[in-house]
C-alpha atoms as a PDB file:
ATOM      1  CA  MET A   1      -5.556 -11.426   1.851  1.00  0.00           C
ATOM      2  CA  THR A   2      -4.643 -10.794   5.484  1.00  0.00           C
ATOM      3  CA  ASP A   3      -2.764  -7.922   7.069  1.00  0.00           C
ATOM      4  CA  ASN A   4       0.265 -10.246   7.179  1.00  0.00           C
ATOM      5  CA  GLN A   5       0.581 -10.263   3.427  1.00  0.00           C
ATOM      6  CA  SER A   6       1.642  -7.906   0.700  1.00  0.00           C
ATOM      7  CA  PRO A   7      -0.526  -7.460  -2.406  1.00  0.00           C
ATOM      8  CA  ALA A   8       1.640 -10.060  -4.112  1.00  0.00           C
ATOM      9  CA  GLY A   9       0.554 -12.603  -1.501  1.00  0.00           C
ATOM     10  CA  HIS A  10       3.879 -12.760   0.302  1.00  0.00           C
ATOM     11  CA  LEU A  11       4.529 -12.220   3.968  1.00  0.00           C
ATOM     12  CA  ALA A  12       5.671  -8.704   4.783  1.00  0.00           C
ATOM     13  CA  PRO A  13       9.296  -8.303   5.985  1.00  0.00           C
ATOM     14  CA  ALA A  14       8.030  -7.487   9.481  1.00  0.00           C
ATOM     15  CA  HIS A  15       6.274 -10.817   9.750  1.00  0.00           C
ATOM     16  CA  ILE A  16       9.190 -12.754   8.304  1.00  0.00           C
ATOM     17  CA  MET A  17      11.483 -11.124  10.842  1.00  0.00           C
ATOM     18  CA  GLY A  18       8.979 -11.791  13.609  1.00  0.00           C
ATOM     19  CA  ILE A  19       8.776 -15.491  12.789  1.00  0.00           C
ATOM     20  CA  THR A  20      12.568 -15.722  12.491  1.00  0.00           C
ATOM     21  CA  SER A  21      13.053 -13.931  15.801  1.00  0.00           C
ATOM     22  CA  PHE A  22      10.603 -16.223  17.553  1.00  0.00           C
ATOM     23  CA  LEU A  23      12.299 -19.339  16.185  1.00  0.00           C
ATOM     24  CA  ALA A  24      15.736 -18.014  17.135  1.00  0.00           C
ATOM     25  CA  ALA A  25      14.501 -17.186  20.615  1.00  0.00           C
ATOM     26  CA  SER A  26      13.037 -20.671  20.982  1.00  0.00           C
ATOM     27  CA  VAL A  27      16.358 -22.286  20.064  1.00  0.00           C
ATOM     28  CA  LEU A  28      18.381 -20.011  22.344  1.00  0.00           C
ATOM     29  CA  LEU A  29      15.964 -20.721  25.170  1.00  0.00           C
ATOM     30  CA  LEU A  30      17.227 -24.295  25.181  1.00  0.00           C
ATOM     31  CA  PHE A  31      20.720 -23.077  26.015  1.00  0.00           C
ATOM     32  CA  GLN A  32      20.323 -19.903  28.045  1.00  0.00           C
ATOM     33  CA  ILE A  33      17.195 -17.926  28.886  1.00  0.00           C
ATOM     34  CA  GLU A  34      18.995 -14.584  28.778  1.00  0.00           C
ATOM     35  CA  LEU A  35      20.119 -15.124  25.183  1.00  0.00           C
ATOM     36  CA  SER A  36      16.567 -15.742  23.997  1.00  0.00           C
ATOM     37  CA  ILE A  37      15.724 -12.123  24.767  1.00  0.00           C
ATOM     38  CA  ILE A  38      18.188 -10.793  22.174  1.00  0.00           C
ATOM     39  CA  PRO A  39      16.364 -11.686  18.896  1.00  0.00           C
ATOM     40  CA  LEU A  40      13.011 -10.634  20.342  1.00  0.00           C
ATOM     41  CA  SER A  41      14.462  -7.306  21.489  1.00  0.00           C
ATOM     42  CA  ILE A  42      15.933  -6.692  18.038  1.00  0.00           C
ATOM     43  CA  PHE A  43      12.568  -7.431  16.443  1.00  0.00           C
ATOM     44  CA  LEU A  44      10.642  -5.118  18.762  1.00  0.00           C
ATOM     45  CA  THR A  45      13.184  -2.334  18.306  1.00  0.00           C
ATOM     46  CA  THR A  46      12.935  -2.644  14.528  1.00  0.00           C
ATOM     47  CA  CYS A  47       9.138  -2.555  14.690  1.00  0.00           C
ATOM     48  CA  PHE A  48       9.324   0.649  16.695  1.00  0.00           C
ATOM     49  CA  PHE A  49      11.743   2.543  14.447  1.00  0.00           C
ATOM     50  CA  ALA A  50      10.914   1.208  10.950  1.00  0.00           C
ATOM     51  CA  PRO A  51       7.627   3.144  10.531  1.00  0.00           C
ATOM     52  CA  PHE A  52       9.507   6.441  10.817  1.00  0.00           C
ATOM     53  CA  PHE A  53      11.580   5.696   7.697  1.00  0.00           C
ATOM     54  CA  PRO A  54       9.202   6.451   4.791  1.00  0.00           C
ATOM     55  CA  GLY A  55      11.208   4.429   2.282  1.00  0.00           C
ATOM     56  CA  ILE A  56      11.329   1.132   4.169  1.00  0.00           C
ATOM     57  CA  SER A  57       8.710  -1.405   3.084  1.00  0.00           C
ATOM     58  CA  TYR A  58       8.680  -3.097   6.465  1.00  0.00           C
ATOM     59  CA  PHE A  59       4.992  -3.566   7.217  1.00  0.00           C
ATOM     60  CA  LEU A  60       3.684  -3.169   3.662  1.00  0.00           C
ATOM     61  CA  PRO A  61       4.938  -2.404   0.132  1.00  0.00           C
ATOM     62  CA  ILE A  62       5.853   1.280  -0.173  1.00  0.00           C
ATOM     63  CA  ILE A  63       6.582   2.982  -3.485  1.00  0.00           C
ATOM     64  CA  THR A  64       9.229   5.713  -3.215  1.00  0.00           C
ATOM     65  CA  HIS A  65      10.736   5.895  -6.704  1.00  0.00           C
ATOM     66  CA  GLY A  66      10.676   4.585 -10.229  1.00  0.00           C
ATOM     67  CA  LYS A  67      13.436   3.014 -12.291  1.00  0.00           C
ATOM     68  CA  PRO A  68      16.797   4.815 -11.992  1.00  0.00           C
ATOM     69  CA  ALA A  69      17.404   4.299 -15.715  1.00  0.00           C
ATOM     70  CA  GLN A  70      14.530   6.644 -16.402  1.00  0.00           C
ATOM     71  CA  LYS A  71      15.973  10.158 -16.559  1.00  0.00           C
ATOM     72  CA  ALA A  72      12.912  11.646 -14.968  1.00  0.00           C
ATOM     73  CA  VAL A  73      11.297  12.440 -11.625  1.00  0.00           C
ATOM     74  CA  ALA A  74       7.802  13.046 -10.278  1.00  0.00           C
ATOM     75  CA  ILE A  75       6.858  15.996  -8.094  1.00  0.00           C
ATOM     76  CA  THR A  76       4.229  15.687  -5.377  1.00  0.00           C
ATOM     77  CA  PHE A  77       2.687  18.281  -3.073  1.00  0.00           C
ATOM     78  CA  ASP A  78       1.285  17.396   0.341  1.00  0.00           C
ATOM     79  CA  ASP A  79      -1.239  18.826   2.807  1.00  0.00           C
ATOM     80  CA  GLY A  80      -3.327  21.184   0.639  1.00  0.00           C
ATOM     81  CA  PRO A  81      -5.239  22.525  -1.068  1.00  0.00           C
ATOM     82  CA  ASP A  82      -4.285  25.927   0.304  1.00  0.00           C
ATOM     83  CA  PRO A  83      -6.180  29.094  -0.675  1.00  0.00           C
ATOM     84  CA  LEU A  84      -3.056  31.240  -0.373  1.00  0.00           C
ATOM     85  CA  SER A  85      -0.758  29.229  -2.588  1.00  0.00           C
ATOM     86  CA  ASN A  86      -2.554  26.935  -4.991  1.00  0.00           C
ATOM     87  CA  SER A  87      -3.740  29.387  -7.613  1.00  0.00           C
ATOM     88  CA  LYS A  88      -0.269  30.892  -8.020  1.00  0.00           C
ATOM     89  CA  LEU A  89       1.350  27.457  -7.867  1.00  0.00           C
ATOM     90  CA  LEU A  90      -0.926  26.170 -10.620  1.00  0.00           C
ATOM     91  CA  GLY A  91       0.055  29.140 -12.770  1.00  0.00           C
ATOM     92  CA  LEU A  92       3.741  28.397 -12.209  1.00  0.00           C
ATOM     93  CA  LEU A  93       3.306  24.718 -13.050  1.00  0.00           C
ATOM     94  CA  SER A  94       1.405  25.642 -16.202  1.00  0.00           C
ATOM     95  CA  LYS A  95       4.179  28.028 -17.214  1.00  0.00           C
ATOM     96  CA  HIS A  96       6.673  25.140 -17.070  1.00  0.00           C
ATOM     97  CA  ASN A  97       4.195  22.618 -18.541  1.00  0.00           C
ATOM     98  CA  VAL A  98       4.574  20.362 -15.497  1.00  0.00           C
ATOM     99  CA  LYS A  99       1.982  17.914 -14.171  1.00  0.00           C
ATOM    100  CA  THR A 100       2.177  16.910 -10.534  1.00  0.00           C
ATOM    101  CA  THR A 101       0.227  14.951  -7.933  1.00  0.00           C
ATOM    102  CA  PHE A 102      -1.443  16.692  -5.001  1.00  0.00           C
ATOM    103  CA  PHE A 103      -1.867  14.522  -1.900  1.00  0.00           C
ATOM    104  CA  VAL A 104      -4.744  16.396  -0.313  1.00  0.00           C
ATOM    105  CA  SER A 105      -6.424  16.174   3.059  1.00  0.00           C
ATOM    106  CA  GLY A 106     -10.116  15.439   2.787  1.00  0.00           C
ATOM    107  CA  LYS A 107     -11.017  18.281   5.117  1.00  0.00           C
ATOM    108  CA  SER A 108      -9.244  20.895   2.980  1.00  0.00           C
ATOM    109  CA  ALA A 109     -10.552  19.352  -0.232  1.00  0.00           C
ATOM    110  CA  ALA A 110     -14.100  19.732   1.075  1.00  0.00           C
ATOM    111  CA  GLN A 111     -13.438  23.289   2.246  1.00  0.00           C
ATOM    112  CA  TYR A 112     -11.973  24.590  -1.043  1.00  0.00           C
ATOM    113  CA  PRO A 113     -13.941  23.164  -3.987  1.00  0.00           C
ATOM    114  CA  GLU A 114     -12.756  25.883  -6.375  1.00  0.00           C
ATOM    115  CA  LEU A 115      -9.142  24.903  -5.783  1.00  0.00           C
ATOM    116  CA  MET A 116      -9.874  21.203  -6.192  1.00  0.00           C
ATOM    117  CA  ASN A 117     -11.664  21.840  -9.466  1.00  0.00           C
ATOM    118  CA  ALA A 118      -8.768  23.993 -10.673  1.00  0.00           C
ATOM    119  CA  ILE A 119      -6.230  21.273  -9.804  1.00  0.00           C
ATOM    120  CA  ILE A 120      -8.179  18.599 -11.665  1.00  0.00           C
ATOM    121  CA  GLN A 121      -9.022  20.780 -14.661  1.00  0.00           C
ATOM    122  CA  ALA A 122      -5.340  21.708 -15.030  1.00  0.00           C
ATOM    123  CA  GLY A 123      -4.550  18.017 -15.597  1.00  0.00           C
ATOM    124  CA  HIS A 124      -2.917  17.238 -12.265  1.00  0.00           C
ATOM    125  CA  THR A 125      -3.698  14.081 -10.328  1.00  0.00           C
ATOM    126  CA  VAL A 126      -4.866  13.753  -6.734  1.00  0.00           C
ATOM    127  CA  GLY A 127      -3.921  11.347  -3.960  1.00  0.00           C
ATOM    128  CA  ASN A 128      -5.425  10.557  -0.564  1.00  0.00           C
ATOM    129  CA  HIS A 129      -3.610  12.077   2.447  1.00  0.00           C
ATOM    130  CA  THR A 130      -6.249  11.151   5.087  1.00  0.00           C
ATOM    131  CA  PHE A 131      -9.114  13.420   6.096  1.00  0.00           C
ATOM    132  CA  HIS A 132      -7.691  15.387   9.032  1.00  0.00           C
ATOM    133  CA  HIS A 133      -3.936  14.942   8.473  1.00  0.00           C
ATOM    134  CA  ASP A 134      -3.456  13.714  12.019  1.00  0.00           C
ATOM    135  CA  ASN A 135       0.260  13.044  12.484  1.00  0.00           C
ATOM    136  CA  LEU A 136      -0.618  10.553  15.236  1.00  0.00           C
ATOM    137  CA  ILE A 137      -3.170   8.596  13.206  1.00  0.00           C
ATOM    138  CA  MET A 138      -0.849   5.575  12.885  1.00  0.00           C
ATOM    139  CA  LEU A 139      -0.913   5.199  16.677  1.00  0.00           C
ATOM    140  CA  LYS A 140      -4.688   4.796  16.641  1.00  0.00           C
ATOM    141  CA  GLY A 141      -6.772   1.738  15.903  1.00  0.00           C
ATOM    142  CA  ARG A 142      -8.000   0.129  12.711  1.00  0.00           C
ATOM    143  CA  ASN A 143     -11.403   1.804  12.784  1.00  0.00           C
ATOM    144  CA  ALA A 144      -9.938   5.296  13.156  1.00  0.00           C
ATOM    145  CA  LEU A 145      -7.424   4.796  10.331  1.00  0.00           C
ATOM    146  CA  THR A 146     -10.022   3.240   8.046  1.00  0.00           C
ATOM    147  CA  LYS A 147     -12.392   6.138   8.682  1.00  0.00           C
ATOM    148  CA  GLU A 148      -9.670   8.705   7.889  1.00  0.00           C
ATOM    149  CA  ILE A 149      -8.897   7.112   4.524  1.00  0.00           C
ATOM    150  CA  GLU A 150     -12.500   6.354   3.617  1.00  0.00           C
ATOM    151  CA  SER A 151     -13.712   9.850   4.550  1.00  0.00           C
ATOM    152  CA  ALA A 152     -11.090  11.418   2.286  1.00  0.00           C
ATOM    153  CA  GLN A 153     -12.065   9.050  -0.544  1.00  0.00           C
ATOM    154  CA  ASN A 154     -15.712  10.015  -0.129  1.00  0.00           C
ATOM    155  CA  VAL A 155     -14.887  13.723  -0.371  1.00  0.00           C
ATOM    156  CA  LEU A 156     -12.823  13.202  -3.514  1.00  0.00           C
ATOM    157  CA  LYS A 157     -15.626  11.146  -5.030  1.00  0.00           C
ATOM    158  CA  ILE A 158     -17.688  14.357  -5.037  1.00  0.00           C
ATOM    159  CA  TYR A 159     -15.209  15.754  -7.574  1.00  0.00           C
ATOM    160  CA  GLY A 160     -15.692  12.743  -9.829  1.00  0.00           C
ATOM    161  CA  ILE A 161     -12.347  11.102  -9.046  1.00  0.00           C
ATOM    162  CA  ARG A 162     -11.107   8.025  -7.232  1.00  0.00           C
ATOM    163  CA  PRO A 163      -7.451   8.036  -6.115  1.00  0.00           C
ATOM    164  CA  PHE A 164      -5.484   4.789  -6.148  1.00  0.00           C
ATOM    165  CA  VAL A 165      -2.553   6.217  -4.165  1.00  0.00           C
ATOM    166  CA  PHE A 166      -2.316   7.001  -0.475  1.00  0.00           C
ATOM    167  CA  ARG A 167       0.357   8.859   1.432  1.00  0.00           C
ATOM    168  CA  PRO A 168       0.258   8.709   5.219  1.00  0.00           C
ATOM    169  CA  PRO A 169       0.921  11.911   7.176  1.00  0.00           C
ATOM    170  CA  ALA A 170       4.698  12.372   7.526  1.00  0.00           C
ATOM    171  CA  GLY A 171       5.132   9.107   5.595  1.00  0.00           C
ATOM    172  CA  ILE A 172       4.678   7.067   8.800  1.00  0.00           C
ATOM    173  CA  THR A 173       3.167   3.576   8.482  1.00  0.00           C
ATOM    174  CA  ASN A 174       2.001   0.837  10.845  1.00  0.00           C
ATOM    175  CA  PRO A 175       1.240  -2.925  10.756  1.00  0.00           C
ATOM    176  CA  ILE A 176      -2.448  -2.536   9.877  1.00  0.00           C
ATOM    177  CA  LEU A 177      -2.155  -0.008   7.047  1.00  0.00           C
ATOM    178  CA  GLY A 178      -1.394  -2.597   4.366  1.00  0.00           C
ATOM    179  CA  GLY A 179      -4.617  -4.517   4.889  1.00  0.00           C
ATOM    180  CA  ILE A 180      -6.685  -1.339   4.886  1.00  0.00           C
ATOM    181  CA  LEU A 181      -5.169  -0.150   1.611  1.00  0.00           C
ATOM    182  CA  VAL A 182      -5.844  -3.537   0.017  1.00  0.00           C
ATOM    183  CA  LYS A 183      -9.494  -3.101   1.005  1.00  0.00           C
ATOM    184  CA  PHE A 184      -9.633   0.221  -0.849  1.00  0.00           C
ATOM    185  CA  GLY A 185      -7.544  -0.960  -3.800  1.00  0.00           C
ATOM    186  CA  MET A 186      -4.797   1.552  -3.078  1.00  0.00           C
ATOM    187  CA  HIS A 187      -0.990   1.713  -3.044  1.00  0.00           C
ATOM    188  CA  CYS A 188       1.158   3.448  -0.440  1.00  0.00           C
ATOM    189  CA  VAL A 189       3.263   6.063  -2.235  1.00  0.00           C
ATOM    190  CA  ASN A 190       5.859   7.931  -0.202  1.00  0.00           C
ATOM    191  CA  PHE A 191       8.988   9.657  -1.522  1.00  0.00           C
ATOM    192  CA  ARG A 192      12.751   9.372  -1.837  1.00  0.00           C
ATOM    193  CA  CYS A 193      13.727  13.021  -2.176  1.00  0.00           C
ATOM    194  CA  ARG A 194      12.722  15.704   0.319  1.00  0.00           C
ATOM    195  CA  ALA A 195      14.141  18.825   1.915  1.00  0.00           C
ATOM    196  CA  PHE A 196      12.829  18.299   5.472  1.00  0.00           C
ATOM    197  CA  ASP A 197      10.924  21.577   5.136  1.00  0.00           C
ATOM    198  CA  THR A 198       8.532  20.710   8.002  1.00  0.00           C
ATOM    199  CA  GLY A 199       5.486  21.663   5.992  1.00  0.00           C
ATOM    200  CA  ASN A 200       7.067  24.754   4.387  1.00  0.00           C
ATOM    201  CA  ARG A 201       8.122  26.164   7.721  1.00  0.00           C
ATOM    202  CA  LYS A 202      11.720  25.943   6.509  1.00  0.00           C
ATOM    203  CA  ILE A 203      11.788  27.128   2.908  1.00  0.00           C
ATOM    204  CA  ARG A 204      15.244  28.680   2.937  1.00  0.00           C
ATOM    205  CA  ASN A 205      17.463  26.902   0.385  1.00  0.00           C
ATOM    206  CA  LEU A 206      14.573  24.566  -0.440  1.00  0.00           C
ATOM    207  CA  ALA A 207      15.625  24.293  -4.094  1.00  0.00           C
ATOM    208  CA  LYS A 208      19.291  23.798  -3.232  1.00  0.00           C
ATOM    209  CA  LYS A 209      18.462  20.904  -0.906  1.00  0.00           C
ATOM    210  CA  ILE A 210      16.190  19.180  -3.414  1.00  0.00           C
ATOM    211  CA  LEU A 211      18.553  19.603  -6.361  1.00  0.00           C
ATOM    212  CA  HIS A 212      21.482  18.321  -4.296  1.00  0.00           C
ATOM    213  CA  ARG A 213      19.656  15.144  -3.260  1.00  0.00           C
ATOM    214  CA  VAL A 214      17.567  14.303  -6.306  1.00  0.00           C
ATOM    215  CA  ARG A 215      18.323  11.192  -8.345  1.00  0.00           C
ATOM    216  CA  PRO A 216      16.769   9.789 -11.526  1.00  0.00           C
ATOM    217  CA  GLY A 217      13.468   8.080 -10.823  1.00  0.00           C
ATOM    218  CA  ASP A 218      12.827   9.955  -7.573  1.00  0.00           C
ATOM    219  CA  ILE A 219       9.465  10.909  -6.200  1.00  0.00           C
ATOM    220  CA  ILE A 220       9.983  14.393  -4.764  1.00  0.00           C
ATOM    221  CA  LEU A 221       8.079  15.560  -1.698  1.00  0.00           C
ATOM    222  CA  LEU A 222       7.077  19.217  -1.472  1.00  0.00           C
ATOM    223  CA  HIS A 223       4.273  21.007   0.386  1.00  0.00           C
ATOM    224  CA  ASP A 224       1.709  23.496  -0.852  1.00  0.00           C
ATOM    225  CA  ILE A 225       0.598  24.996   2.453  1.00  0.00           C
ATOM    226  CA  ILE A 226       2.033  28.355   3.461  1.00  0.00           C
ATOM    227  CA  PRO A 227       2.489  29.008   7.197  1.00  0.00           C
ATOM    228  CA  ALA A 228       3.073  32.545   8.367  1.00  0.00           C
ATOM    229  CA  GLY A 229       6.657  33.803   8.154  1.00  0.00           C
ATOM    230  CA  PRO A 230       8.758  34.865  11.160  1.00  0.00           C
ATOM    231  CA  ASP A 231       7.212  38.345  11.068  1.00  0.00           C
ATOM    232  CA  GLY A 232       3.691  36.976  10.859  1.00  0.00           C
ATOM    233  CA  GLU A 233       3.292  38.048   7.232  1.00  0.00           C
ATOM    234  CA  MET A 234       2.420  35.582   4.486  1.00  0.00           C
ATOM    235  CA  ASP A 235       3.191  37.634   1.376  1.00  0.00           C
ATOM    236  CA  ASN A 236       6.976  37.441   1.641  1.00  0.00           C
ATOM    237  CA  THR A 237       6.841  33.750   2.590  1.00  0.00           C
ATOM    238  CA  LEU A 238       4.633  32.950  -0.404  1.00  0.00           C
ATOM    239  CA  SER A 239       6.856  34.895  -2.793  1.00  0.00           C
ATOM    240  CA  ASP A 240      10.009  33.239  -1.454  1.00  0.00           C
ATOM    241  CA  TRP A 241       8.417  29.809  -1.699  1.00  0.00           C
ATOM    242  CA  LEU A 242       7.284  30.332  -5.291  1.00  0.00           C
ATOM    243  CA  ASN A 243      10.809  31.423  -6.184  1.00  0.00           C
ATOM    244  CA  GLU A 244      12.166  28.220  -4.653  1.00  0.00           C
ATOM    245  CA  ILE A 245       9.671  26.089  -6.593  1.00  0.00           C
ATOM    246  CA  GLU A 246      10.643  27.819  -9.845  1.00  0.00           C
ATOM    247  CA  LYS A 247      14.315  27.159  -9.083  1.00  0.00           C
ATOM    248  CA  ILE A 248      13.501  23.480  -8.565  1.00  0.00           C
ATOM    249  CA  LEU A 249      11.625  23.213 -11.862  1.00  0.00           C
ATOM    250  CA  ALA A 250      14.402  24.978 -13.782  1.00  0.00           C
ATOM    251  CA  GLY A 251      17.166  23.124 -11.924  1.00  0.00           C
ATOM    252  CA  LEU A 252      15.732  19.696 -12.670  1.00  0.00           C
ATOM    253  CA  LYS A 253      15.670  20.487 -16.369  1.00  0.00           C
ATOM    254  CA  LYS A 254      19.274  21.698 -16.217  1.00  0.00           C
ATOM    255  CA  LYS A 255      20.198  18.359 -14.667  1.00  0.00           C
ATOM    256  CA  GLY A 256      18.635  16.618 -17.642  1.00  0.00           C
ATOM    257  CA  LEU A 257      15.752  15.257 -15.580  1.00  0.00           C
ATOM    258  CA  SER A 258      12.296  15.373 -17.112  1.00  0.00           C
ATOM    259  CA  ILE A 259       9.361  16.002 -14.788  1.00  0.00           C
ATOM    260  CA  LEU A 260       6.738  13.368 -15.522  1.00  0.00           C
ATOM    261  CA  PRO A 261       3.327  12.617 -14.020  1.00  0.00           C
ATOM    262  CA  LEU A 262       3.564  10.278 -11.038  1.00  0.00           C
ATOM    263  CA  SER A 263       1.813   7.479 -12.940  1.00  0.00           C
ATOM    264  CA  GLU A 264       4.602   7.409 -15.527  1.00  0.00           C
ATOM    265  CA  ILE A 265       7.251   7.120 -12.818  1.00  0.00           C
ATOM    266  CA  ILE A 266       5.627   4.339 -10.787  1.00  0.00           C
ATOM    267  CA  HIS A 267       3.920   2.673 -13.786  1.00  0.00           C
ATOM    268  CA  LYS A 268       0.656   2.416 -11.878  1.00  0.00           C
ATOM    269  CA  PRO A 269      -2.555   4.435 -12.139  1.00  0.00           C
ATOM    270  CA  VAL A 270      -2.759   7.312  -9.679  1.00  0.00           C
ATOM    271  CA  MET A 271      -6.470   8.068  -9.988  1.00  0.00           C
ATOM    272  CA  LYS A 272      -9.402   7.607 -12.314  1.00  0.00           C
ATOM    273  CA  PHE A 273     -12.464   9.628 -13.228  1.00  0.00           C
ATOM    274  CA  ILE A 274     -15.633   7.949 -12.020  1.00  0.00           C
ATOM    275  CA  GLY A 275     -18.288  10.028 -13.744  1.00  0.00           C
ATOM    276  CA  GLU A 276     -19.837  13.431 -13.503  1.00  0.00           C
ATOM    277  CA  LYS A 277     -18.923  15.406 -10.403  1.00  0.00           C
ATOM    278  CA  MET A 278     -21.611  16.678  -8.083  1.00  0.00           C
ATOM    279  CA  ASN A 279     -23.319  19.848  -9.276  1.00  0.00           C
ATOM    280  CA  ASP A 280     -22.598  21.792  -6.095  1.00  0.00           C
ATOM    281  CA  VAL A 281     -18.794  21.745  -6.353  1.00  0.00           C
END
């Protein structure tokens, strides 16, 4: 399979549009040179903006939700694990009997083995969120992107797991990501419901925003890192954030939406256990 194809063997929308634009430009060139620029300009503009819309499967298939008929959602947390938040978050999730997926950075996963073990032992699943969480990684070359994904996979292998799902930083994609994920046997899983919290820097009314936007079948994006609050203190920020998460969990149930593991929403495996973890983690 080439980078021009989806896992189903079909050309990606970007390549279909590219071929169509080229053919249209060729025809228009016969009549007026200036007109031939229009379809090519539209194609290039679309290629520039499409990656910044996490729900558009332009360069590769992207999973953002399950079936709307399913009165349920999945909750995902990005960017951790975080030593300030994860232990208390895991306790809150256990209290509500909720299983989620943590899209972790390989660097943090390697740095906090106790948290990774706690996440896995609590029955949550783990996804690949690159090694360094470089927001500009999609502007770099194939080798750099491959190394980011592979390095994170290698760290997670230490914990005896192999993720099948990948979420790019900020949900941004590029033309080469699809082929790389095929190589690793992974799916790109983004989200359809988010609060634009900028990595928990804007947690005010977090629950209200999520509960207003959520729809059946949604994959919800949240973050589990806790930046310092406006006064430089973390305690108040952490407490406020946990309150918002509890409001989300309770609010979803009031809306009649079950909170299911990600695998049951997308009907694909999220990760698998690959044997005994290393003894030093």
